Structures are given as C-alpha cells and as structure tokens.
Amino acid sequence: MYAIVETGGKQYRVEEKATIDVERLPQNVGEQVTLDRVLLVEQDGQLSVGAPLVPGARVLCRVVAEDRDRKVVVFKFKAKKNYRRKRGHRQDFSRLLVERIELGQEN
C-alpha cells in the first residue's frame, strides 16, 4: 500500500513505516502530523485517484527529526566585468515517519 501526498508544494510517494524529508513543518519533534492532501492511494492492486484529492484519505505521520539540508552554493559570474557573487543556502526540513495510511468511508 502506498500513497502520493502533497506538502510544501511538492509531491511525495509514501509507504507505511518509511521516512521522508519534507519542507519544515511547524510541529515539534515527537508530534503527530496529518497529511490530508492525498492525490492517489494504491491498495491491493487497486488505484484510487483523486480529482484532485482522494476524498476522506489521509496519511498519519510523526515528526522524528528537524535538521538542515546540505549546503547549495550559488555562484554568479559575468566574464570580463569583475562581477562575482558567492552565496550558500541550507534548506530546513522535517523528517517524518509514516505511521498509517487511512482511506475514508467513500472508498
């Protein structure tokens, strides 16, 4: 059983007992998170595709860590103009443990 969920403007394929890294969420470590923007659910070979969301479906997760991703270097350069700019960026993320995928009564 797996599902496609949307959070932070991105889509993730999730399975039970798997971990995913998503954009930083306001919940603290140890708190439960409900992802209700479920786009697709596969169970026993049957697909439930939402239009755009699967009604009543949700994914229950727990925040297991909060951290920052590796540094991405942004370097701008213009030839012969003595223009060089170097910046770094580290994205905050939350690591989620998928505990359960639930379907609604409609399915």
C-alpha atoms as a PDB file:
ATOM      1  CA  MET A   1       0.000   0.000   0.000  1.00  0.00           C
ATOM      2  CA  TYR A   2       1.322   3.405  -0.930  1.00  0.00           C
ATOM      3  CA  ALA A   3       0.057   6.935  -1.439  1.00  0.00           C
ATOM      4  CA  ILE A   4       1.073  10.119  -3.210  1.00  0.00           C
ATOM      5  CA  VAL A   5       0.771  13.154  -0.915  1.00  0.00           C
ATOM      6  CA  GLU A   6       1.404  16.852  -1.409  1.00  0.00           C
ATOM      7  CA  THR A   7       3.058  19.046   1.199  1.00  0.00           C
ATOM      8  CA  GLY A   8       5.227  22.109   0.920  1.00  0.00           C
ATOM      9  CA  GLY A   9       4.409  22.448  -2.782  1.00  0.00           C
ATOM     10  CA  LYS A  10       5.988  19.075  -3.568  1.00  0.00           C
ATOM     11  CA  GLN A  11       4.642  15.570  -4.077  1.00  0.00           C
ATOM     12  CA  TYR A  12       5.960  12.504  -2.258  1.00  0.00           C
ATOM     13  CA  ARG A  13       5.357   8.767  -2.635  1.00  0.00           C
ATOM     14  CA  VAL A  14       4.906   7.353   0.870  1.00  0.00           C
ATOM     15  CA  GLU A  15       4.586   3.863   2.299  1.00  0.00           C
ATOM     16  CA  GLU A  16       3.886   2.763   5.856  1.00  0.00           C
ATOM     17  CA  LYS A  17       6.963   2.621   8.146  1.00  0.00           C
ATOM     18  CA  ALA A  18       9.012   4.735   5.685  1.00  0.00           C
ATOM     19  CA  THR A  19      10.649   8.091   6.393  1.00  0.00           C
ATOM     20  CA  ILE A  20      10.505  11.146   4.148  1.00  0.00           C
ATOM     21  CA  ASP A  21      12.134  14.561   4.311  1.00  0.00           C
ATOM     22  CA  VAL A  22       9.676  17.415   3.695  1.00  0.00           C
ATOM     23  CA  GLU A  23       9.798  21.198   3.969  1.00  0.00           C
ATOM     24  CA  ARG A  24       9.999  22.337   7.613  1.00  0.00           C
ATOM     25  CA  LEU A  25       6.662  21.916   9.382  1.00  0.00           C
ATOM     26  CA  PRO A  26       5.536  23.919  12.437  1.00  0.00           C
ATOM     27  CA  GLN A  27       5.159  20.766  14.578  1.00  0.00           C
ATOM     28  CA  ASN A  28       7.900  19.812  17.039  1.00  0.00           C
ATOM     29  CA  VAL A  29       9.805  16.530  17.210  1.00  0.00           C
ATOM     30  CA  GLY A  30       7.565  13.743  18.511  1.00  0.00           C
ATOM     31  CA  GLU A  31       4.287  15.371  17.475  1.00  0.00           C
ATOM     32  CA  GLN A  32       1.873  13.768  15.056  1.00  0.00           C
ATOM     33  CA  VAL A  33       1.180  15.280  11.623  1.00  0.00           C
ATOM     34  CA  THR A  34      -1.812  14.532   9.414  1.00  0.00           C
ATOM     35  CA  LEU A  35      -1.241  14.938   5.684  1.00  0.00           C
ATOM     36  CA  ASP A  36      -4.698  15.245   4.150  1.00  0.00           C
ATOM     37  CA  ARG A  37      -3.748  16.329   0.636  1.00  0.00           C
ATOM     38  CA  VAL A  38      -3.676  12.768  -0.738  1.00  0.00           C
ATOM     39  CA  LEU A  39      -3.608  12.615  -4.535  1.00  0.00           C
ATOM     40  CA  LEU A  40      -3.507   8.839  -5.063  1.00  0.00           C
ATOM     41  CA  VAL A  41      -3.781   5.661  -2.985  1.00  0.00           C
ATOM     42  CA  GLU A  42      -2.842   2.134  -4.074  1.00  0.00           C
ATOM     43  CA  GLN A  43      -4.165  -0.780  -2.023  1.00  0.00           C
ATOM     44  CA  ASP A  44      -4.065  -4.437  -3.086  1.00  0.00           C
ATOM     45  CA  GLY A  45      -3.537  -3.521  -6.744  1.00  0.00           C
ATOM     46  CA  GLN A  46      -6.443  -1.066  -6.832  1.00  0.00           C
ATOM     47  CA  LEU A  47      -5.757   2.600  -7.505  1.00  0.00           C
ATOM     48  CA  SER A  48      -7.869   5.382  -6.043  1.00  0.00           C
ATOM     49  CA  VAL A  49      -7.038   8.536  -7.963  1.00  0.00           C
ATOM     50  CA  GLY A  50      -8.311  11.853  -6.679  1.00  0.00           C
ATOM     51  CA  ALA A  51      -9.740  14.685  -8.711  1.00  0.00           C
ATOM     52  CA  PRO A  52      -7.610  16.376  -7.409  1.00  0.00           C
ATOM     53  CA  LEU A  53      -7.770  14.768  -3.931  1.00  0.00           C
ATOM     54  CA  VAL A  54      -8.928  11.343  -2.761  1.00  0.00           C
ATOM     55  CA  PRO A  55     -11.958  12.064  -0.529  1.00  0.00           C
ATOM     56  CA  GLY A  56     -11.505  11.022   3.084  1.00  0.00           C
ATOM     57  CA  ALA A  57      -7.948   9.737   2.648  1.00  0.00           C
ATOM     58  CA  ARG A  58      -5.165  10.876   4.964  1.00  0.00           C
ATOM     59  CA  VAL A  59      -1.656   9.901   5.975  1.00  0.00           C
ATOM     60  CA  LEU A  60      -0.692   9.928   9.661  1.00  0.00           C
ATOM     61  CA  CYS A  61       2.971  10.729  10.313  1.00  0.00           C
ATOM     62  CA  ARG A  62       5.191  11.536  13.280  1.00  0.00           C
ATOM     63  CA  VAL A  63       7.989  14.122  13.228  1.00  0.00           C
ATOM     64  CA  VAL A  64      11.186  12.256  14.149  1.00  0.00           C
ATOM     65  CA  ALA A  65      13.775  14.971  13.401  1.00  0.00           C
ATOM     66  CA  GLU A  66      14.279  18.546  12.272  1.00  0.00           C
ATOM     67  CA  ASP A  67      17.505  19.490  10.544  1.00  0.00           C
ATOM     68  CA  ARG A  68      19.060  21.483   7.732  1.00  0.00           C
ATOM     69  CA  ASP A  69      19.986  20.031   4.361  1.00  0.00           C
ATOM     70  CA  ARG A  70      23.458  20.155   2.816  1.00  0.00           C
ATOM     71  CA  LYS A  71      24.707  23.493   1.560  1.00  0.00           C
ATOM     72  CA  VAL A  72      23.928  24.524  -2.001  1.00  0.00           C
ATOM     73  CA  VAL A  73      26.427  27.017  -3.408  1.00  0.00           C
ATOM     74  CA  VAL A  74      25.043  29.735  -5.692  1.00  0.00           C
ATOM     75  CA  PHE A  75      27.822  31.386  -7.708  1.00  0.00           C
ATOM     76  CA  LYS A  76      27.103  34.231 -10.151  1.00  0.00           C
ATOM     77  CA  PHE A  77      29.771  35.290 -12.630  1.00  0.00           C
ATOM     78  CA  LYS A  78      29.992  37.666 -15.596  1.00  0.00           C
ATOM     79  CA  ALA A  79      33.031  37.406 -17.792  1.00  0.00           C
ATOM     80  CA  LYS A  80      35.307  40.448 -18.144  1.00  0.00           C
ATOM     81  CA  LYS A  81      33.164  42.587 -15.794  1.00  0.00           C
ATOM     82  CA  ASN A  82      34.765  41.729 -12.428  1.00  0.00           C
ATOM     83  CA  TYR A  83      31.350  40.515 -11.200  1.00  0.00           C
ATOM     84  CA  ARG A  84      31.415  37.539  -8.833  1.00  0.00           C
ATOM     85  CA  ARG A  85      28.884  36.702  -6.118  1.00  0.00           C
ATOM     86  CA  LYS A  86      29.017  33.578  -3.977  1.00  0.00           C
ATOM     87  CA  ARG A  87      26.148  32.644  -1.681  1.00  0.00           C
ATOM     88  CA  GLY A  88      25.225  29.497   0.154  1.00  0.00           C
ATOM     89  CA  HIS A  89      21.827  28.154   1.162  1.00  0.00           C
ATOM     90  CA  ARG A  90      20.802  25.404   3.591  1.00  0.00           C
ATOM     91  CA  GLN A  91      17.145  24.359   3.463  1.00  0.00           C
ATOM     92  CA  ASP A  92      15.324  23.480   6.697  1.00  0.00           C
ATOM     93  CA  PHE A  93      13.450  20.175   6.645  1.00  0.00           C
ATOM     94  CA  SER A  94      11.402  17.890   8.864  1.00  0.00           C
ATOM     95  CA  ARG A  95      11.896  14.113   8.766  1.00  0.00           C
ATOM     96  CA  LEU A  96       8.565  12.272   9.002  1.00  0.00           C
ATOM     97  CA  LEU A  97       7.902   8.632   9.863  1.00  0.00           C
ATOM     98  CA  VAL A  98       4.771   7.411   8.064  1.00  0.00           C
ATOM     99  CA  GLU A  99       2.721   5.510  10.630  1.00  0.00           C
ATOM    100  CA  ARG A 100      -0.532   4.799   8.804  1.00  0.00           C
ATOM    101  CA  ILE A 101      -2.330   5.426   5.525  1.00  0.00           C
ATOM    102  CA  GLU A 102      -6.088   5.706   6.011  1.00  0.00           C
ATOM    103  CA  LEU A 103      -8.836   5.609   3.427  1.00  0.00           C
ATOM    104  CA  GLY A 104     -12.154   7.323   4.016  1.00  0.00           C
ATOM    105  CA  GLN A 105     -15.574   5.715   4.128  1.00  0.00           C
ATOM    106  CA  GLU A 106     -16.164   6.712   0.499  1.00  0.00           C
ATOM    107  CA  ASN A 107     -13.735   4.020  -0.775  1.00  0.00           C
END
